[in-house]
Amino acid sequence: MPDRCVADCGHKSCTKDHGLPSVKDLPGASVLALNDEHATIALPSGCTLAIGDRIQLLPSHVDPTMNLHDVVYGYRSIPMTFTPGPRRGGA
C-alpha cells in the first residue's frame, strides 16, 4: 500500500497562509505540502484510495482561498452555485 498520494491542487487553489488544509472524510490522512499545482498527502495504513478517486481538502483560511476562484460550488443538503462579487483585480 502506498503511504502518500499527490492531488491535483496546490496553493494556487487553496491557500496555506494559516496552515495546511485538512483532508475531509479520510481519517488519518494529512497534507504534507502544498506546491504550486499539487498537494502531497500522507495516507493512513490500509487506505484504499485509488488513482482517480476524488478527495476534498478543507482550507485553513477560507477568505483568501475564495479570492483564488471565479466561481465557487457549495454543498449542504443540495448543490449550490454562486459567483461572488469582483475580486482578483477586477473592478
N, C-alpha and C. Protein backbone atom coordinates (compact mmCIF):
# COMPACT_ATOMS: atom_id res chain seq x y z
N MET A 1 0.82 -1.18 0.00
CA MET A 1 0.00 0.00 0.00
C MET A 1 0.87 1.25 0.00
N PRO A 2 0.55 2.20 -0.84
CA PRO A 2 1.29 3.47 -0.82
C PRO A 2 1.03 4.22 0.48
N ASP A 3 2.02 5.00 0.90
CA ASP A 3 1.85 5.77 2.13
C ASP A 3 1.58 7.25 1.86
N ARG A 4 1.50 7.62 0.58
CA ARG A 4 1.17 9.00 0.24
C ARG A 4 0.58 9.06 -1.16
N CYS A 5 -0.05 10.20 -1.46
CA CYS A 5 -0.61 10.42 -2.79
C CYS A 5 -0.38 11.88 -3.16
N VAL A 6 -0.57 12.19 -4.42
CA VAL A 6 -0.45 13.55 -4.92
C VAL A 6 -1.81 13.94 -5.50
N ALA A 7 -2.33 15.08 -5.06
CA ALA A 7 -3.62 15.56 -5.53
C ALA A 7 -3.41 16.75 -6.47
N ASP A 8 -4.32 16.90 -7.42
CA ASP A 8 -4.23 17.96 -8.42
C ASP A 8 -4.81 19.27 -7.87
N CYS A 9 -4.15 19.78 -6.85
CA CYS A 9 -4.49 21.08 -6.27
C CYS A 9 -3.28 21.53 -5.48
N GLY A 10 -3.08 22.79 -5.40
CA GLY A 10 -1.93 23.30 -4.65
C GLY A 10 -2.27 24.65 -4.08
N HIS A 11 -1.25 25.43 -3.74
CA HIS A 11 -1.54 26.71 -3.11
C HIS A 11 -2.07 27.75 -4.08
N LYS A 12 -2.15 27.43 -5.37
CA LYS A 12 -2.84 28.33 -6.30
C LYS A 12 -4.35 28.11 -6.27
N SER A 13 -4.79 27.05 -5.60
CA SER A 13 -6.23 26.81 -5.47
C SER A 13 -6.69 26.75 -4.02
N CYS A 14 -5.77 26.65 -3.10
CA CYS A 14 -6.12 26.58 -1.68
C CYS A 14 -4.96 27.18 -0.88
N THR A 15 -5.18 28.30 -0.26
CA THR A 15 -4.08 28.99 0.41
C THR A 15 -3.55 28.21 1.60
N LYS A 16 -2.32 28.53 1.97
CA LYS A 16 -1.68 27.90 3.12
C LYS A 16 -1.17 28.93 4.11
N ASP A 17 -1.71 30.16 4.02
CA ASP A 17 -1.21 31.24 4.87
C ASP A 17 -1.55 31.05 6.35
N HIS A 18 -2.54 30.24 6.67
CA HIS A 18 -2.87 29.95 8.08
C HIS A 18 -2.71 28.46 8.36
N GLY A 19 -1.82 27.81 7.66
CA GLY A 19 -1.60 26.38 7.85
C GLY A 19 -2.10 25.59 6.66
N LEU A 20 -1.73 24.33 6.65
CA LEU A 20 -2.13 23.45 5.55
C LEU A 20 -3.59 23.04 5.69
N PRO A 21 -4.24 22.75 4.57
CA PRO A 21 -5.63 22.29 4.65
C PRO A 21 -5.70 20.90 5.28
N SER A 22 -6.90 20.53 5.69
CA SER A 22 -7.11 19.17 6.20
C SER A 22 -7.82 18.36 5.11
N VAL A 23 -7.76 17.04 5.25
CA VAL A 23 -8.38 16.13 4.28
C VAL A 23 -9.72 15.68 4.86
N LYS A 24 -10.79 15.93 4.13
CA LYS A 24 -12.13 15.59 4.60
C LYS A 24 -12.43 14.12 4.39
N ASP A 25 -13.04 13.49 5.38
CA ASP A 25 -13.57 12.12 5.30
C ASP A 25 -12.51 11.07 4.98
N LEU A 26 -11.27 11.31 5.35
CA LEU A 26 -10.21 10.32 5.19
C LEU A 26 -9.39 10.32 6.49
N PRO A 27 -9.92 9.68 7.53
CA PRO A 27 -9.28 9.72 8.84
C PRO A 27 -7.82 9.26 8.78
N GLY A 28 -6.97 10.02 9.42
CA GLY A 28 -5.55 9.69 9.46
C GLY A 28 -4.74 10.27 8.32
N ALA A 29 -5.40 10.82 7.29
CA ALA A 29 -4.69 11.44 6.17
C ALA A 29 -4.35 12.88 6.54
N SER A 30 -3.22 13.36 6.04
CA SER A 30 -2.85 14.75 6.31
C SER A 30 -2.04 15.31 5.14
N VAL A 31 -2.24 16.59 4.87
CA VAL A 31 -1.49 17.26 3.81
C VAL A 31 -0.07 17.51 4.32
N LEU A 32 0.91 17.04 3.58
CA LEU A 32 2.31 17.23 3.94
C LEU A 32 2.86 18.52 3.34
N ALA A 33 2.43 18.83 2.09
CA ALA A 33 2.96 20.01 1.40
C ALA A 33 1.98 20.46 0.34
N LEU A 34 1.94 21.78 0.14
CA LEU A 34 1.21 22.38 -0.98
C LEU A 34 2.23 23.05 -1.88
N ASN A 35 2.37 22.55 -3.08
CA ASN A 35 3.21 23.19 -4.08
C ASN A 35 2.31 24.05 -4.96
N ASP A 36 2.84 24.64 -6.02
CA ASP A 36 2.02 25.50 -6.87
C ASP A 36 0.74 24.81 -7.34
N GLU A 37 0.86 23.62 -7.89
CA GLU A 37 -0.27 22.94 -8.53
C GLU A 37 -0.67 21.62 -7.88
N HIS A 38 0.09 21.14 -6.90
CA HIS A 38 -0.16 19.82 -6.35
C HIS A 38 -0.04 19.80 -4.83
N ALA A 39 -0.81 18.91 -4.21
CA ALA A 39 -0.72 18.68 -2.77
C ALA A 39 -0.18 17.27 -2.56
N THR A 40 0.76 17.13 -1.66
CA THR A 40 1.26 15.81 -1.26
C THR A 40 0.57 15.46 0.05
N ILE A 41 -0.05 14.28 0.07
CA ILE A 41 -0.88 13.87 1.21
C ILE A 41 -0.38 12.55 1.77
N ALA A 42 -0.15 12.51 3.09
CA ALA A 42 0.21 11.27 3.78
C ALA A 42 -1.06 10.47 4.00
N LEU A 43 -1.00 9.18 3.69
CA LEU A 43 -2.17 8.31 3.83
C LEU A 43 -2.01 7.38 5.03
N PRO A 44 -3.11 7.06 5.69
CA PRO A 44 -3.03 6.14 6.81
C PRO A 44 -2.80 4.71 6.33
N SER A 45 -2.29 3.88 7.20
CA SER A 45 -2.07 2.48 6.89
C SER A 45 -3.39 1.83 6.49
N GLY A 46 -3.37 1.03 5.43
CA GLY A 46 -4.56 0.33 4.98
C GLY A 46 -5.52 1.17 4.16
N CYS A 47 -5.14 2.37 3.79
CA CYS A 47 -6.00 3.25 3.00
C CYS A 47 -6.26 2.62 1.63
N THR A 48 -7.49 2.65 1.17
CA THR A 48 -7.85 2.04 -0.11
C THR A 48 -8.03 3.06 -1.23
N LEU A 49 -7.56 4.28 -1.02
CA LEU A 49 -7.64 5.31 -2.04
C LEU A 49 -6.94 4.83 -3.31
N ALA A 50 -7.59 5.02 -4.46
CA ALA A 50 -7.04 4.57 -5.74
C ALA A 50 -6.88 5.75 -6.69
N ILE A 51 -6.05 5.57 -7.70
CA ILE A 51 -5.87 6.61 -8.71
C ILE A 51 -7.23 6.96 -9.30
N GLY A 52 -7.53 8.25 -9.36
CA GLY A 52 -8.79 8.73 -9.90
C GLY A 52 -9.85 8.98 -8.84
N ASP A 53 -9.66 8.47 -7.62
CA ASP A 53 -10.62 8.76 -6.54
C ASP A 53 -10.57 10.25 -6.23
N ARG A 54 -11.70 10.80 -5.86
CA ARG A 54 -11.78 12.21 -5.50
C ARG A 54 -11.69 12.37 -3.99
N ILE A 55 -10.98 13.40 -3.59
CA ILE A 55 -10.89 13.76 -2.19
C ILE A 55 -11.26 15.23 -2.06
N GLN A 56 -11.53 15.66 -0.84
CA GLN A 56 -11.83 17.07 -0.60
C GLN A 56 -10.86 17.59 0.45
N LEU A 57 -10.32 18.78 0.19
CA LEU A 57 -9.48 19.45 1.17
C LEU A 57 -10.27 20.60 1.78
N LEU A 58 -10.10 20.79 3.07
CA LEU A 58 -10.75 21.89 3.78
C LEU A 58 -9.69 22.93 4.08
N PRO A 59 -9.81 24.12 3.47
CA PRO A 59 -8.77 25.14 3.65
C PRO A 59 -8.69 25.62 5.10
N SER A 60 -7.50 26.01 5.50
CA SER A 60 -7.30 26.52 6.86
C SER A 60 -7.82 27.95 7.01
N HIS A 61 -7.92 28.67 5.91
CA HIS A 61 -8.43 30.05 5.93
C HIS A 61 -9.20 30.26 4.63
N VAL A 62 -10.49 30.41 4.73
CA VAL A 62 -11.33 30.41 3.53
C VAL A 62 -11.32 31.72 2.75
N ASP A 63 -11.14 32.87 3.42
CA ASP A 63 -11.21 34.15 2.70
C ASP A 63 -10.23 34.23 1.54
N PRO A 64 -8.92 34.03 1.75
CA PRO A 64 -8.01 34.11 0.61
C PRO A 64 -8.19 32.97 -0.39
N THR A 65 -8.71 31.83 0.08
CA THR A 65 -8.97 30.74 -0.86
C THR A 65 -10.09 31.12 -1.82
N MET A 66 -11.15 31.75 -1.31
CA MET A 66 -12.26 32.18 -2.16
C MET A 66 -11.77 33.17 -3.22
N ASN A 67 -10.82 34.00 -2.86
CA ASN A 67 -10.30 35.01 -3.76
C ASN A 67 -9.54 34.42 -4.95
N LEU A 68 -9.20 33.14 -4.88
CA LEU A 68 -8.45 32.49 -5.95
C LEU A 68 -9.35 31.96 -7.07
N HIS A 69 -10.66 32.00 -6.89
CA HIS A 69 -11.58 31.33 -7.82
C HIS A 69 -12.61 32.31 -8.38
N ASP A 70 -13.00 32.09 -9.64
CA ASP A 70 -14.02 32.91 -10.29
C ASP A 70 -15.42 32.44 -9.96
N VAL A 71 -15.61 31.13 -9.80
CA VAL A 71 -16.90 30.53 -9.46
C VAL A 71 -16.65 29.54 -8.34
N VAL A 72 -17.58 29.49 -7.40
CA VAL A 72 -17.46 28.58 -6.27
C VAL A 72 -18.71 27.70 -6.22
N TYR A 73 -18.53 26.41 -6.00
CA TYR A 73 -19.64 25.47 -5.88
C TYR A 73 -19.71 25.06 -4.41
N GLY A 74 -20.87 25.26 -3.82
CA GLY A 74 -21.06 24.89 -2.43
C GLY A 74 -22.00 23.71 -2.33
N TYR A 75 -21.99 23.05 -1.18
CA TYR A 75 -22.88 21.91 -0.99
C TYR A 75 -23.24 21.79 0.48
N ARG A 76 -24.52 21.73 0.75
CA ARG A 76 -25.01 21.37 2.09
C ARG A 76 -25.90 20.17 1.88
N SER A 77 -27.18 20.36 1.80
CA SER A 77 -28.07 19.24 1.52
C SER A 77 -28.43 19.19 0.03
N ILE A 78 -28.24 20.32 -0.67
CA ILE A 78 -28.46 20.36 -2.12
C ILE A 78 -27.30 21.14 -2.74
N PRO A 79 -26.89 20.79 -3.96
CA PRO A 79 -25.80 21.55 -4.61
C PRO A 79 -26.21 23.00 -4.86
N MET A 80 -25.26 23.91 -4.73
CA MET A 80 -25.49 25.33 -4.96
C MET A 80 -24.32 25.88 -5.77
N THR A 81 -24.57 26.90 -6.55
CA THR A 81 -23.52 27.61 -7.26
C THR A 81 -23.67 29.08 -6.96
N PHE A 82 -22.59 29.75 -6.69
CA PHE A 82 -22.67 31.18 -6.52
C PHE A 82 -21.39 31.81 -7.06
N THR A 83 -21.54 33.00 -7.55
CA THR A 83 -20.42 33.76 -8.08
C THR A 83 -20.27 35.01 -7.23
N PRO A 84 -19.24 35.07 -6.40
CA PRO A 84 -19.04 36.26 -5.57
C PRO A 84 -18.77 37.48 -6.43
N GLY A 85 -18.78 38.65 -5.79
CA GLY A 85 -18.51 39.91 -6.49
C GLY A 85 -17.10 39.97 -7.05
N PRO A 86 -16.77 41.06 -7.71
CA PRO A 86 -15.46 41.20 -8.34
C PRO A 86 -14.31 41.05 -7.35
N ARG A 87 -13.27 40.39 -7.76
CA ARG A 87 -12.05 40.20 -6.97
C ARG A 87 -10.92 39.84 -7.92
N ARG A 88 -9.82 39.49 -7.43
CA ARG A 88 -8.64 39.17 -8.23
C ARG A 88 -8.31 40.31 -9.18
N GLY A 89 -8.41 41.53 -8.71
CA GLY A 89 -8.06 42.68 -9.52
C GLY A 89 -9.17 43.21 -10.38
N GLY A 90 -10.36 42.58 -10.33
CA GLY A 90 -11.49 43.05 -11.13
C GLY A 90 -12.09 44.32 -10.56
N ALA A 91 -12.83 45.02 -11.38
CA ALA A 91 -13.46 46.26 -10.93
C ALA A 91 -14.90 46.03 -10.54
